[in-house]
């Protein structure tokens, strides 16, 4: 279930437009989950991604109350969810590429698109890529991708050859 949820999150973060949102749900025990659907009534909900939502402005990491690492200009520390919306956009694409780059077709077609996408978001990468929060979320995403490749290699290859490339093509021009 977690594996499926990760790739739904990845697809949702890369989808162009539409009326979707990624909701962060925190249940009474403090367990956090991410989903497209609204959270159950018993859980606290906050939207962490939505279509065409801009990345946090470069000054956001230095705002008061954002954690010591952020105030030092290094982005949010591990566990600090203050910039998750912007960081999840980066992590979703980075983990997608990491998951698919083993395929020659994806490597040939997708990597130039990914480089263009990264170049267009260089300010966000400069702000967040070396943060503890980015590392934390990327480690989770990478592990989920590894588990998906193990559990469903054919579906993963089909995803990488079709929807993943299409998403990168659309994102690279935005």
Foldseek 3Di string as FASTA:
>chain_A
DVLVLLVVLLLQLLDADDFWFWKWWQAPVRDTDIDGDADPPRTDIDTQEGHPDDADPQCVLCDPPQDPCSVVQQGHAAPRCPRSSNLSSVLSLVLLCVLQCVDPVCVVQVPVLVVLLCVVVVSSCSRYVRHNNSVVSNVVSNVSSVVCCVVPVVVSNVCSNPVSSVSSVVSSVD
